[in-house]
């Protein structure tokens, strides 16, 4: 029952009792009892309001947890381009991995080679490449404009086939960009299997 309505009923009852009961002491005792009941009802209403507030807070926390659990970000892509070399270029170049193996969450763009974090959190990224020969193989993972980790192989006239890679955990904010740059005058083998870029969301922050 609404508290204001309850108080009206109690006060009205108080008034009727005051008229009907002839003994002043009995009337006073009843009024005291009614006032005590009113205080108890107020206390109960306050407890109910506190319980409702805690319930709403719990529901909000559960909803936030569900939203975090439903956020899935996983991608893996290869350079593609057939069985041929990529590079060398006369400037540092963003490597575009055009063959998408998986892209859950659509955070990686095969047209730009750039991964954009859809939510704040900790992410894990890896790069692998096949290289070797007369040109150096040199790749680096960038977070926005910062070099984070690199993987490289020196040029050689005798050692003509090498594989390499690196990996890193990154704490990103929503909208941060992660991509791979190939160093000037470097070279990697391009196909659907040898040179890859992958990442996934470990935990949302």
N, C-alpha and C. Protein backbone atom coordinates (compact mmCIF):
# COMPACT_ATOMS: atom_id res chain seq x y z
N UNK A 1 0.85 -1.20 0.00
CA UNK A 1 0.00 0.00 0.00
C UNK A 1 0.88 1.24 0.00
N UNK A 2 0.46 2.27 -0.74
CA UNK A 2 1.19 3.52 -0.77
C UNK A 2 1.25 4.12 0.63
N UNK A 3 2.43 4.64 1.00
CA UNK A 3 2.63 5.13 2.37
C UNK A 3 1.71 6.30 2.70
N UNK A 4 1.49 7.21 1.74
CA UNK A 4 0.61 8.35 1.99
C UNK A 4 -0.82 7.89 2.27
N UNK A 5 -1.30 6.91 1.51
CA UNK A 5 -2.65 6.37 1.73
C UNK A 5 -2.74 5.72 3.10
N UNK A 6 -1.69 4.96 3.45
CA UNK A 6 -1.66 4.28 4.75
C UNK A 6 -1.74 5.29 5.89
N UNK A 7 -1.01 6.37 5.78
CA UNK A 7 -1.04 7.40 6.83
C UNK A 7 -2.42 8.02 6.94
N UNK A 8 -3.06 8.26 5.79
CA UNK A 8 -4.42 8.84 5.81
C UNK A 8 -5.39 7.92 6.54
N UNK A 9 -5.28 6.60 6.22
CA UNK A 9 -6.16 5.63 6.89
C UNK A 9 -5.92 5.62 8.39
N UNK A 10 -4.67 5.64 8.78
CA UNK A 10 -4.34 5.61 10.21
C UNK A 10 -4.85 6.85 10.94
N UNK A 11 -4.66 8.01 10.31
CA UNK A 11 -5.11 9.25 10.94
C UNK A 11 -6.64 9.29 11.04
N UNK A 12 -7.30 8.80 9.97
CA UNK A 12 -8.75 8.76 10.00
C UNK A 12 -9.24 7.82 11.10
N UNK A 13 -8.61 6.67 11.22
CA UNK A 13 -8.96 5.73 12.28
C UNK A 13 -8.72 6.35 13.64
N UNK A 14 -7.65 7.10 13.73
CA UNK A 14 -7.32 7.81 14.97
C UNK A 14 -8.45 8.75 15.36
N UNK A 15 -8.97 9.45 14.34
CA UNK A 15 -10.05 10.41 14.59
C UNK A 15 -11.34 9.71 15.03
N UNK A 16 -11.68 8.61 14.34
CA UNK A 16 -12.89 7.86 14.69
C UNK A 16 -12.79 7.29 16.10
N UNK A 17 -11.65 6.73 16.41
CA UNK A 17 -11.46 6.15 17.73
C UNK A 17 -11.56 7.21 18.83
N UNK A 18 -11.06 8.36 18.51
CA UNK A 18 -11.12 9.44 19.49
C UNK A 18 -12.56 9.83 19.78
N UNK A 19 -13.45 9.70 18.78
CA UNK A 19 -14.86 10.04 18.97
C UNK A 19 -15.61 8.94 19.69
N UNK A 20 -15.33 7.66 19.30
CA UNK A 20 -16.13 6.55 19.78
C UNK A 20 -15.73 6.09 21.17
N UNK A 21 -14.51 6.18 21.52
CA UNK A 21 -14.06 5.67 22.81
C UNK A 21 -14.24 6.74 23.87
N UNK A 22 -15.01 6.39 24.85
CA UNK A 22 -15.30 7.39 25.88
C UNK A 22 -14.16 7.62 26.83
N UNK A 23 -13.42 6.60 27.12
CA UNK A 23 -12.35 6.72 28.11
C UNK A 23 -11.14 7.39 27.48
N UNK A 24 -10.74 8.51 28.03
CA UNK A 24 -9.62 9.30 27.49
C UNK A 24 -8.33 8.52 27.52
N UNK A 25 -8.11 7.74 28.58
CA UNK A 25 -6.86 6.98 28.67
C UNK A 25 -6.78 5.92 27.59
N UNK A 26 -7.90 5.21 27.34
CA UNK A 26 -7.91 4.19 26.29
C UNK A 26 -7.66 4.81 24.93
N UNK A 27 -8.26 5.97 24.69
CA UNK A 27 -8.06 6.67 23.43
C UNK A 27 -6.61 7.05 23.25
N UNK A 28 -6.01 7.55 24.29
CA UNK A 28 -4.60 7.96 24.22
C UNK A 28 -3.69 6.75 23.95
N UNK A 29 -4.00 5.62 24.59
CA UNK A 29 -3.20 4.41 24.37
C UNK A 29 -3.31 3.94 22.93
N UNK A 30 -4.53 4.00 22.38
CA UNK A 30 -4.71 3.59 21.00
C UNK A 30 -3.97 4.50 20.03
N UNK A 31 -4.02 5.79 20.33
CA UNK A 31 -3.29 6.75 19.48
C UNK A 31 -1.80 6.46 19.51
N UNK A 32 -1.28 6.18 20.71
CA UNK A 32 0.15 5.85 20.85
C UNK A 32 0.49 4.60 20.05
N UNK A 33 -0.41 3.59 20.15
CA UNK A 33 -0.18 2.35 19.40
C UNK A 33 -0.16 2.60 17.89
N UNK A 34 -1.13 3.42 17.45
CA UNK A 34 -1.20 3.72 16.02
C UNK A 34 0.04 4.47 15.54
N UNK A 35 0.50 5.39 16.37
CA UNK A 35 1.71 6.13 16.00
C UNK A 35 2.94 5.20 15.95
N UNK A 36 2.99 4.26 16.86
CA UNK A 36 4.08 3.28 16.86
C UNK A 36 4.03 2.43 15.60
N UNK A 37 2.78 2.02 15.23
CA UNK A 37 2.63 1.25 14.00
C UNK A 37 3.07 2.07 12.79
N UNK A 38 2.76 3.36 12.82
CA UNK A 38 3.15 4.24 11.72
C UNK A 38 4.66 4.29 11.57
N UNK A 39 5.37 4.36 12.71
CA UNK A 39 6.83 4.39 12.67
C UNK A 39 7.39 3.09 12.10
N UNK A 40 6.74 1.97 12.52
CA UNK A 40 7.20 0.68 12.02
C UNK A 40 6.99 0.57 10.51
N UNK A 41 5.84 1.08 10.04
CA UNK A 41 5.58 1.06 8.61
C UNK A 41 6.60 1.91 7.85
N UNK A 42 6.94 3.07 8.45
CA UNK A 42 7.96 3.91 7.80
C UNK A 42 9.29 3.17 7.69
N UNK A 43 9.67 2.48 8.77
CA UNK A 43 10.91 1.72 8.77
C UNK A 43 10.87 0.61 7.72
N UNK A 44 9.69 -0.06 7.63
CA UNK A 44 9.55 -1.13 6.63
C UNK A 44 9.65 -0.57 5.22
N UNK A 45 9.03 0.59 4.99
CA UNK A 45 9.08 1.19 3.66
C UNK A 45 10.52 1.57 3.31
N UNK A 46 11.26 2.09 4.29
CA UNK A 46 12.66 2.45 4.05
C UNK A 46 13.49 1.23 3.68
N UNK A 47 13.25 0.10 4.40
CA UNK A 47 13.98 -1.13 4.10
C UNK A 47 13.63 -1.65 2.71
N UNK A 48 12.34 -1.54 2.34
CA UNK A 48 11.92 -1.97 1.02
C UNK A 48 12.59 -1.14 -0.07
N UNK A 49 12.69 0.17 0.15
CA UNK A 49 13.34 1.04 -0.82
C UNK A 49 14.81 0.69 -0.95
N UNK A 50 15.47 0.40 0.17
CA UNK A 50 16.89 -0.01 0.13
C UNK A 50 17.05 -1.32 -0.64
N UNK A 51 16.12 -2.25 -0.41
CA UNK A 51 16.18 -3.54 -1.10
C UNK A 51 15.99 -3.35 -2.61
N UNK A 52 15.06 -2.47 -2.99
CA UNK A 52 14.83 -2.21 -4.40
C UNK A 52 16.07 -1.59 -5.05
N UNK A 53 16.73 -0.69 -4.32
CA UNK A 53 17.94 -0.05 -4.84
C UNK A 53 19.05 -1.08 -5.05
N UNK A 54 19.23 -1.97 -4.05
CA UNK A 54 20.26 -3.00 -4.18
C UNK A 54 19.94 -3.96 -5.33
N UNK A 55 18.65 -4.27 -5.49
CA UNK A 55 18.24 -5.16 -6.58
C UNK A 55 18.54 -4.53 -7.93
N UNK A 56 18.25 -3.23 -8.08
CA UNK A 56 18.54 -2.54 -9.34
C UNK A 56 20.04 -2.51 -9.61
N UNK A 57 20.85 -2.27 -8.55
CA UNK A 57 22.30 -2.27 -8.71
C UNK A 57 22.80 -3.63 -9.16
N UNK A 58 22.23 -4.69 -8.57
CA UNK A 58 22.63 -6.06 -8.95
C UNK A 58 22.26 -6.35 -10.40
N UNK A 59 21.06 -5.92 -10.80
CA UNK A 59 20.63 -6.14 -12.18
C UNK A 59 21.55 -5.40 -13.16
N UNK A 60 21.96 -4.19 -12.79
CA UNK A 60 22.87 -3.42 -13.64
C UNK A 60 24.21 -4.12 -13.77
N UNK A 61 24.75 -4.65 -12.66
CA UNK A 61 26.02 -5.36 -12.69
C UNK A 61 25.92 -6.62 -13.54
N UNK A 62 24.82 -7.35 -13.41
CA UNK A 62 24.63 -8.57 -14.20
C UNK A 62 24.57 -8.23 -15.69
N UNK A 63 23.87 -7.14 -16.02
CA UNK A 63 23.77 -6.72 -17.42
C UNK A 63 25.13 -6.34 -17.98
N UNK A 64 25.94 -5.63 -17.18
CA UNK A 64 27.28 -5.25 -17.62
C UNK A 64 28.14 -6.48 -17.86
N UNK A 65 28.04 -7.47 -16.97
CA UNK A 65 28.80 -8.71 -17.14
C UNK A 65 28.39 -9.45 -18.40
N UNK A 66 27.07 -9.49 -18.66
CA UNK A 66 26.56 -10.16 -19.86
C UNK A 66 27.08 -9.46 -21.12
N UNK A 67 27.10 -8.11 -21.08
CA UNK A 67 27.59 -7.36 -22.24
C UNK A 67 29.07 -7.65 -22.48
N UNK A 68 29.84 -7.75 -21.38
CA UNK A 68 31.26 -8.06 -21.53
C UNK A 68 31.46 -9.45 -22.11
N UNK A 69 30.67 -10.41 -21.62
CA UNK A 69 30.80 -11.77 -22.11
C UNK A 69 30.39 -11.89 -23.58
N UNK A 70 29.47 -11.04 -24.02
CA UNK A 70 28.98 -11.13 -25.39
C UNK A 70 29.92 -10.45 -26.39
N UNK A 71 30.89 -9.67 -25.90
CA UNK A 71 31.84 -9.00 -26.78
C UNK A 71 32.95 -9.96 -27.15
N UNK A 72 32.97 -10.41 -28.39
CA UNK A 72 33.99 -11.35 -28.87
C UNK A 72 34.71 -10.72 -30.05
N UNK A 73 36.02 -10.65 -29.96
CA UNK A 73 36.84 -10.07 -31.01
C UNK A 73 37.99 -11.02 -31.30
N UNK A 74 37.98 -11.62 -32.49
CA UNK A 74 39.01 -12.58 -32.90
C UNK A 74 39.23 -12.40 -34.40
N UNK A 75 40.49 -12.27 -34.80
CA UNK A 75 40.75 -12.20 -36.23
C UNK A 75 42.07 -12.87 -36.56
N UNK A 76 42.18 -13.31 -37.79
CA UNK A 76 43.42 -13.86 -38.32
C UNK A 76 43.38 -13.68 -39.82
N UNK A 77 44.50 -13.17 -40.39
CA UNK A 77 44.53 -12.90 -41.82
C UNK A 77 45.93 -13.14 -42.36
N UNK A 78 45.99 -13.52 -43.64
CA UNK A 78 47.26 -13.73 -44.34
C UNK A 78 47.40 -12.68 -45.44
N UNK A 79 48.64 -12.48 -45.89
CA UNK A 79 48.86 -11.45 -46.91
C UNK A 79 48.17 -11.79 -48.22
N UNK A 80 48.09 -13.08 -48.57
CA UNK A 80 47.54 -13.43 -49.87
C UNK A 80 48.49 -12.99 -50.98
N UNK A 81 47.95 -12.82 -52.16
CA UNK A 81 48.75 -12.31 -53.28
C UNK A 81 49.45 -13.37 -54.08
N UNK A 82 49.16 -14.64 -53.83
CA UNK A 82 49.82 -15.69 -54.59
C UNK A 82 51.21 -15.98 -54.04
N UNK A 83 51.87 -16.98 -54.60
CA UNK A 83 53.20 -17.36 -54.14
C UNK A 83 54.25 -16.45 -54.76
N UNK A 84 54.41 -15.28 -54.16
CA UNK A 84 55.42 -14.33 -54.64
C UNK A 84 55.78 -13.38 -53.51
N UNK A 85 56.86 -12.68 -53.69
CA UNK A 85 57.34 -11.77 -52.66
C UNK A 85 56.54 -10.49 -52.59
N UNK A 86 56.51 -9.91 -51.40
CA UNK A 86 55.91 -8.59 -51.18
C UNK A 86 57.05 -7.66 -50.81
N UNK A 87 57.27 -6.63 -51.61
CA UNK A 87 58.39 -5.73 -51.41
C UNK A 87 59.55 -6.11 -52.32
N UNK A 88 60.70 -5.45 -52.18
CA UNK A 88 60.94 -4.34 -51.25
C UNK A 88 60.34 -3.03 -51.76
N UNK A 89 60.03 -2.15 -50.80
CA UNK A 89 59.51 -0.83 -51.11
C UNK A 89 60.54 0.23 -50.70
N UNK A 90 60.43 1.40 -51.28
CA UNK A 90 61.40 2.46 -51.00
C UNK A 90 61.02 3.31 -49.79
N UNK A 91 60.00 2.86 -49.03
CA UNK A 91 59.61 3.53 -47.80
C UNK A 91 58.93 2.51 -46.89
N UNK A 92 58.87 2.82 -45.59
CA UNK A 92 58.13 1.94 -44.68
C UNK A 92 56.68 1.86 -45.15
N UNK A 93 56.11 0.65 -45.12
CA UNK A 93 54.79 0.43 -45.71
C UNK A 93 53.91 -0.39 -44.78
N UNK A 94 52.66 0.03 -44.64
CA UNK A 94 51.71 -0.77 -43.88
C UNK A 94 51.37 -2.02 -44.67
N UNK A 95 51.57 -3.17 -44.04
CA UNK A 95 51.32 -4.44 -44.73
C UNK A 95 49.84 -4.77 -44.63
N UNK A 96 49.23 -5.03 -45.77
CA UNK A 96 47.80 -5.34 -45.80
C UNK A 96 47.62 -6.85 -45.94
N UNK A 97 46.94 -7.44 -45.00
CA UNK A 97 46.65 -8.87 -45.01
C UNK A 97 45.25 -9.05 -45.61
N UNK A 98 45.21 -9.42 -46.87
CA UNK A 98 43.96 -9.40 -47.62
C UNK A 98 43.15 -10.69 -47.49
N UNK A 99 43.80 -11.79 -47.18
CA UNK A 99 43.09 -13.06 -47.06
C UNK A 99 42.63 -13.25 -45.62
N UNK A 100 41.36 -13.02 -45.38
CA UNK A 100 40.80 -13.11 -44.02
C UNK A 100 40.48 -14.56 -43.70
N UNK A 101 41.07 -15.05 -42.64
CA UNK A 101 40.81 -16.42 -42.18
C UNK A 101 39.64 -16.43 -41.20
N UNK A 102 39.65 -15.48 -40.29
CA UNK A 102 38.52 -15.27 -39.38
C UNK A 102 38.51 -13.81 -38.98
N UNK A 103 37.30 -13.31 -38.71
CA UNK A 103 37.18 -11.89 -38.34
C UNK A 103 35.92 -11.69 -37.50
N UNK A 104 35.89 -12.35 -36.35
CA UNK A 104 34.73 -12.25 -35.45
C UNK A 104 34.73 -10.88 -34.80
N UNK A 105 33.66 -10.15 -34.99
CA UNK A 105 33.58 -8.78 -34.48
C UNK A 105 33.89 -7.73 -35.52
N UNK A 106 34.46 -8.16 -36.66
CA UNK A 106 34.76 -7.25 -37.79
C UNK A 106 35.60 -6.04 -37.39
N UNK A 107 36.57 -6.27 -36.50
CA UNK A 107 37.44 -5.17 -36.07
C UNK A 107 38.64 -4.99 -36.98
N UNK A 108 38.96 -6.02 -37.76
CA UNK A 108 40.09 -5.93 -38.70
C UNK A 108 39.58 -5.61 -40.10
N UNK A 109 40.28 -4.70 -40.79
CA UNK A 109 39.90 -4.32 -42.15
C UNK A 109 40.89 -4.89 -43.16
N UNK A 110 40.44 -5.80 -44.04
CA UNK A 110 41.34 -6.35 -45.06
C UNK A 110 41.65 -5.35 -46.19
N UNK A 111 40.99 -4.22 -46.20
CA UNK A 111 41.28 -3.22 -47.23
C UNK A 111 42.36 -2.23 -46.78
N UNK A 112 42.52 -2.07 -45.46
CA UNK A 112 43.54 -1.15 -44.94
C UNK A 112 44.65 -1.85 -44.17
N UNK A 113 44.38 -3.08 -43.70
CA UNK A 113 45.35 -3.79 -42.86
C UNK A 113 45.35 -3.34 -41.42
N UNK A 114 44.36 -2.55 -41.04
CA UNK A 114 44.33 -1.95 -39.70
C UNK A 114 43.26 -2.60 -38.84
N UNK A 115 43.65 -2.93 -37.61
CA UNK A 115 42.71 -3.40 -36.60
C UNK A 115 42.33 -2.22 -35.72
N UNK A 116 41.02 -2.02 -35.48
CA UNK A 116 40.53 -0.94 -34.63
C UNK A 116 39.81 -1.56 -33.44
N UNK A 117 40.29 -1.26 -32.24
CA UNK A 117 39.71 -1.86 -31.03
C UNK A 117 38.26 -1.40 -30.85
N UNK A 118 37.30 -2.32 -30.82
CA UNK A 118 35.90 -1.93 -30.64
C UNK A 118 35.55 -1.59 -29.20
N UNK A 119 36.32 -2.14 -28.25
CA UNK A 119 36.09 -1.87 -26.82
C UNK A 119 37.44 -1.75 -26.14
N UNK A 120 37.44 -1.09 -24.98
CA UNK A 120 38.66 -1.01 -24.18
C UNK A 120 38.94 -2.38 -23.56
N UNK A 121 40.21 -2.77 -23.56
CA UNK A 121 40.54 -4.07 -22.99
C UNK A 121 41.97 -4.47 -23.27
N UNK A 122 42.31 -5.68 -22.88
CA UNK A 122 43.63 -6.26 -23.15
C UNK A 122 43.50 -7.19 -24.35
N UNK A 123 44.35 -6.99 -25.34
CA UNK A 123 44.34 -7.78 -26.56
C UNK A 123 45.68 -8.48 -26.75
N UNK A 124 45.64 -9.56 -27.51
CA UNK A 124 46.86 -10.32 -27.83
C UNK A 124 47.03 -10.35 -29.34
N UNK A 125 48.24 -9.99 -29.82
CA UNK A 125 48.51 -9.94 -31.25
C UNK A 125 49.75 -10.76 -31.58
N UNK A 126 49.73 -11.38 -32.76
CA UNK A 126 50.89 -12.13 -33.25
C UNK A 126 51.13 -11.81 -34.72
N UNK A 127 52.41 -11.87 -35.11
CA UNK A 127 52.77 -11.81 -36.53
C UNK A 127 53.74 -12.96 -36.81
N UNK A 128 53.59 -13.54 -37.99
CA UNK A 128 54.53 -14.55 -38.48
C UNK A 128 54.83 -14.25 -39.93
N UNK A 129 56.04 -14.59 -40.37
CA UNK A 129 56.39 -14.32 -41.76
C UNK A 129 57.37 -15.38 -42.27
N UNK A 130 57.45 -15.47 -43.57
CA UNK A 130 58.45 -16.29 -44.25
C UNK A 130 59.29 -15.34 -45.09
N UNK A 131 60.61 -15.41 -44.95
CA UNK A 131 61.48 -14.48 -45.65
C UNK A 131 62.82 -15.14 -45.90
N UNK A 132 63.82 -14.33 -46.26
CA UNK A 132 65.17 -14.83 -46.53
C UNK A 132 65.63 -14.47 -47.92
N UNK A 133 66.96 -14.47 -48.11
CA UNK A 133 67.51 -14.15 -49.42
C UNK A 133 68.25 -12.83 -49.42
N UNK A 134 68.22 -12.15 -50.53
CA UNK A 134 69.04 -10.95 -50.68
C UNK A 134 68.46 -9.73 -49.94
N UNK A 135 67.20 -9.79 -49.54
CA UNK A 135 66.59 -8.67 -48.83
C UNK A 135 66.32 -9.03 -47.37
N UNK A 136 66.42 -8.05 -46.52
CA UNK A 136 66.07 -8.23 -45.11
C UNK A 136 64.57 -8.43 -44.97
N UNK A 137 64.18 -9.26 -44.01
CA UNK A 137 62.77 -9.35 -43.64
C UNK A 137 62.58 -8.61 -42.32
N UNK A 138 61.73 -7.61 -42.31
CA UNK A 138 61.59 -6.80 -41.08
C UNK A 138 60.16 -6.28 -40.95
N UNK A 139 59.42 -6.80 -39.95
CA UNK A 139 58.05 -6.37 -39.68
C UNK A 139 57.95 -5.85 -38.25
N UNK A 140 57.01 -4.95 -38.03
CA UNK A 140 56.80 -4.41 -36.68
C UNK A 140 55.32 -4.18 -36.44
N UNK A 141 54.88 -4.51 -35.22
CA UNK A 141 53.50 -4.23 -34.80
C UNK A 141 53.44 -2.82 -34.23
N UNK A 142 52.53 -2.03 -34.73
CA UNK A 142 52.35 -0.65 -34.28
C UNK A 142 51.04 -0.50 -33.52
N UNK A 143 51.05 0.26 -32.45
CA UNK A 143 49.84 0.70 -31.76
C UNK A 143 49.72 2.20 -31.99
N UNK A 144 48.73 2.58 -32.79
CA UNK A 144 48.62 3.96 -33.27
C UNK A 144 49.92 4.30 -34.01
N UNK A 145 50.71 5.25 -33.55
CA UNK A 145 51.95 5.58 -34.27
C UNK A 145 53.19 5.05 -33.58
N UNK A 146 53.03 4.16 -32.61
CA UNK A 146 54.16 3.68 -31.82
C UNK A 146 54.54 2.25 -32.20
N UNK A 147 55.85 2.02 -32.38
CA UNK A 147 56.35 0.67 -32.61
C UNK A 147 56.31 -0.08 -31.29
N UNK A 148 55.70 -1.26 -31.28
CA UNK A 148 55.57 -2.06 -30.05
C UNK A 148 56.57 -3.20 -30.04
N UNK A 149 56.53 -4.08 -31.03
CA UNK A 149 57.49 -5.18 -31.14
C UNK A 149 57.88 -5.34 -32.60
N UNK A 150 59.05 -5.94 -32.83
CA UNK A 150 59.52 -6.18 -34.19
C UNK A 150 59.93 -7.63 -34.37
N UNK A 151 60.03 -8.04 -35.62
CA UNK A 151 60.56 -9.36 -35.99
C UNK A 151 61.35 -9.15 -37.26
N UNK A 152 62.58 -9.68 -37.30
CA UNK A 152 63.43 -9.40 -38.46
C UNK A 152 64.36 -10.56 -38.78
N UNK A 153 64.81 -10.58 -40.03
CA UNK A 153 65.77 -11.56 -40.51
C UNK A 153 66.73 -10.84 -41.45
N UNK A 154 68.04 -11.01 -41.21
CA UNK A 154 69.03 -10.33 -42.05
C UNK A 154 69.09 -10.96 -43.44
N UNK A 155 69.48 -10.15 -44.38
CA UNK A 155 69.67 -10.67 -45.74
C UNK A 155 70.86 -11.62 -45.76
N UNK A 156 70.81 -12.57 -46.68
CA UNK A 156 71.88 -13.57 -46.77
C UNK A 156 71.93 -14.16 -48.17
N UNK A 157 73.14 -14.46 -48.61
CA UNK A 157 73.30 -15.09 -49.92
C UNK A 157 73.26 -16.61 -49.83
N UNK A 158 73.40 -17.13 -48.60
CA UNK A 158 73.43 -18.58 -48.43
C UNK A 158 72.20 -19.13 -47.71
N UNK A 159 71.67 -18.35 -46.78
CA UNK A 159 70.49 -18.79 -46.01
C UNK A 159 69.26 -18.17 -46.68
N UNK A 160 68.58 -18.92 -47.48
CA UNK A 160 67.54 -18.33 -48.35
C UNK A 160 66.11 -18.54 -47.88
N UNK A 161 65.89 -19.18 -46.73
CA UNK A 161 64.52 -19.41 -46.28
C UNK A 161 64.46 -19.41 -44.77
N UNK A 162 63.75 -18.45 -44.21
CA UNK A 162 63.60 -18.35 -42.76
C UNK A 162 62.17 -17.98 -42.40
N UNK A 163 61.76 -18.42 -41.22
CA UNK A 163 60.48 -18.01 -40.65
C UNK A 163 60.75 -17.25 -39.36
N UNK A 164 59.91 -16.27 -39.07
CA UNK A 164 60.06 -15.51 -37.84
C UNK A 164 58.73 -14.96 -37.38
N UNK A 165 58.75 -14.35 -36.21
CA UNK A 165 57.51 -13.76 -35.71
C UNK A 165 57.70 -13.14 -34.35
N UNK A 166 56.65 -12.58 -33.83
CA UNK A 166 56.66 -11.99 -32.50
C UNK A 166 55.21 -11.87 -32.02
N UNK A 167 55.06 -11.59 -30.72
CA UNK A 167 53.71 -11.49 -30.15
C UNK A 167 53.73 -10.51 -28.98
N UNK A 168 52.55 -9.97 -28.65
CA UNK A 168 52.49 -8.98 -27.58
C UNK A 168 51.07 -8.87 -27.03
N UNK A 169 50.96 -8.59 -25.71
CA UNK A 169 49.70 -8.19 -25.10
C UNK A 169 49.65 -6.67 -25.08
N UNK A 170 48.52 -6.10 -25.47
CA UNK A 170 48.36 -4.65 -25.48
C UNK A 170 47.08 -4.25 -24.76
N UNK A 171 47.19 -3.25 -23.89
CA UNK A 171 45.99 -2.67 -23.29
C UNK A 171 45.56 -1.49 -24.16
N UNK A 172 44.40 -1.63 -24.76
CA UNK A 172 43.92 -0.64 -25.73
C UNK A 172 42.67 0.06 -25.23
N UNK A 173 42.50 1.28 -25.71
CA UNK A 173 41.26 2.02 -25.52
C UNK A 173 40.41 1.86 -26.77
N UNK A 174 39.12 2.06 -26.63
CA UNK A 174 38.23 1.96 -27.78
C UNK A 174 38.70 2.92 -28.87
N UNK A 175 38.84 2.41 -30.09
CA UNK A 175 39.27 3.24 -31.21
C UNK A 175 40.76 3.19 -31.49
N UNK A 176 41.56 2.61 -30.60
CA UNK A 176 43.00 2.47 -30.85
C UNK A 176 43.23 1.58 -32.07
N UNK A 177 44.29 1.89 -32.80
CA UNK A 177 44.60 1.15 -34.03
C UNK A 177 45.86 0.30 -33.85
N UNK A 178 45.82 -0.91 -34.39
CA UNK A 178 46.97 -1.81 -34.39
C UNK A 178 47.17 -2.30 -35.81
N UNK A 179 48.41 -2.25 -36.30
CA UNK A 179 48.70 -2.66 -37.66
C UNK A 179 50.17 -3.07 -37.77
N UNK A 180 50.53 -3.62 -38.92
CA UNK A 180 51.90 -4.11 -39.14
C UNK A 180 52.56 -3.26 -40.23
N UNK A 181 53.80 -2.84 -39.94
CA UNK A 181 54.56 -2.07 -40.91
C UNK A 181 55.76 -2.89 -41.39
N UNK A 182 56.01 -2.80 -42.68
CA UNK A 182 57.18 -3.45 -43.27
C UNK A 182 58.24 -2.38 -43.52
N UNK A 183 59.44 -2.65 -43.02
CA UNK A 183 60.52 -1.67 -43.11
C UNK A 183 60.96 -1.45 -44.56
N UNK A 184 61.44 -0.25 -44.84
CA UNK A 184 61.96 0.09 -46.16
C UNK A 184 62.99 -0.96 -46.60
N UNK A 185 62.94 -1.32 -47.86
CA UNK A 185 63.87 -2.29 -48.47
C UNK A 185 63.81 -3.68 -47.83
N UNK A 186 62.71 -4.02 -47.21
CA UNK A 186 62.55 -5.37 -46.67
C UNK A 186 61.58 -6.16 -47.54
N UNK A 187 61.48 -7.45 -47.25
CA UNK A 187 60.75 -8.36 -48.14
C UNK A 187 60.19 -9.52 -47.33
N UNK A 188 58.97 -9.95 -47.67
CA UNK A 188 58.40 -11.16 -47.08
C UNK A 188 57.69 -11.95 -48.17
N UNK A 189 57.48 -13.22 -47.91
CA UNK A 189 56.79 -14.07 -48.88
C UNK A 189 55.29 -13.92 -48.71
N UNK A 190 54.58 -13.76 -49.82
CA UNK A 190 53.14 -13.54 -49.75
C UNK A 190 52.34 -14.69 -50.32
N UNK A 191 51.49 -15.26 -49.50
CA UNK A 191 50.48 -16.20 -49.98
C UNK A 191 49.43 -16.35 -48.87
N UNK A 192 48.59 -17.35 -48.96
CA UNK A 192 47.50 -17.50 -47.99
C UNK A 192 47.91 -18.24 -46.72
N UNK A 193 49.21 -18.57 -46.58
CA UNK A 193 49.60 -19.43 -45.47
C UNK A 193 50.83 -18.96 -44.70
N UNK A 194 51.76 -18.26 -45.34
CA UNK A 194 53.08 -18.06 -44.73
C UNK A 194 53.19 -16.82 -43.84
N UNK A 195 52.63 -15.71 -44.26
CA UNK A 195 52.80 -14.44 -43.54
C UNK A 195 51.45 -13.99 -43.01
N UNK A 196 51.30 -13.99 -41.68
CA UNK A 196 49.98 -13.79 -41.07
C UNK A 196 50.02 -12.74 -39.96
N UNK A 197 48.85 -12.21 -39.67
CA UNK A 197 48.62 -11.23 -38.60
C UNK A 197 47.35 -11.67 -37.89
N UNK A 198 47.43 -11.86 -36.56
CA UNK A 198 46.27 -12.36 -35.80
C UNK A 198 46.15 -11.61 -34.48
N UNK A 199 44.95 -11.65 -33.91
CA UNK A 199 44.74 -11.03 -32.61
C UNK A 199 43.38 -11.38 -32.05
N UNK A 200 43.25 -11.19 -30.73
CA UNK A 200 41.95 -11.41 -30.11
C UNK A 200 41.86 -10.64 -28.79
N UNK A 201 40.64 -10.39 -28.37
CA UNK A 201 40.36 -9.72 -27.10
C UNK A 201 40.50 -10.74 -25.96
N UNK A 202 41.41 -10.45 -25.03
CA UNK A 202 41.62 -11.33 -23.89
C UNK A 202 40.59 -11.04 -22.81
N UNK A 203 40.48 -9.77 -22.44
CA UNK A 203 39.51 -9.37 -21.42
C UNK A 203 39.14 -7.91 -21.61
N UNK A 204 37.88 -7.61 -21.42
CA UNK A 204 37.39 -6.25 -21.54
C UNK A 204 37.66 -5.50 -20.23
N UNK A 205 38.00 -4.23 -20.34
CA UNK A 205 38.34 -3.43 -19.16
C UNK A 205 37.22 -2.42 -18.87
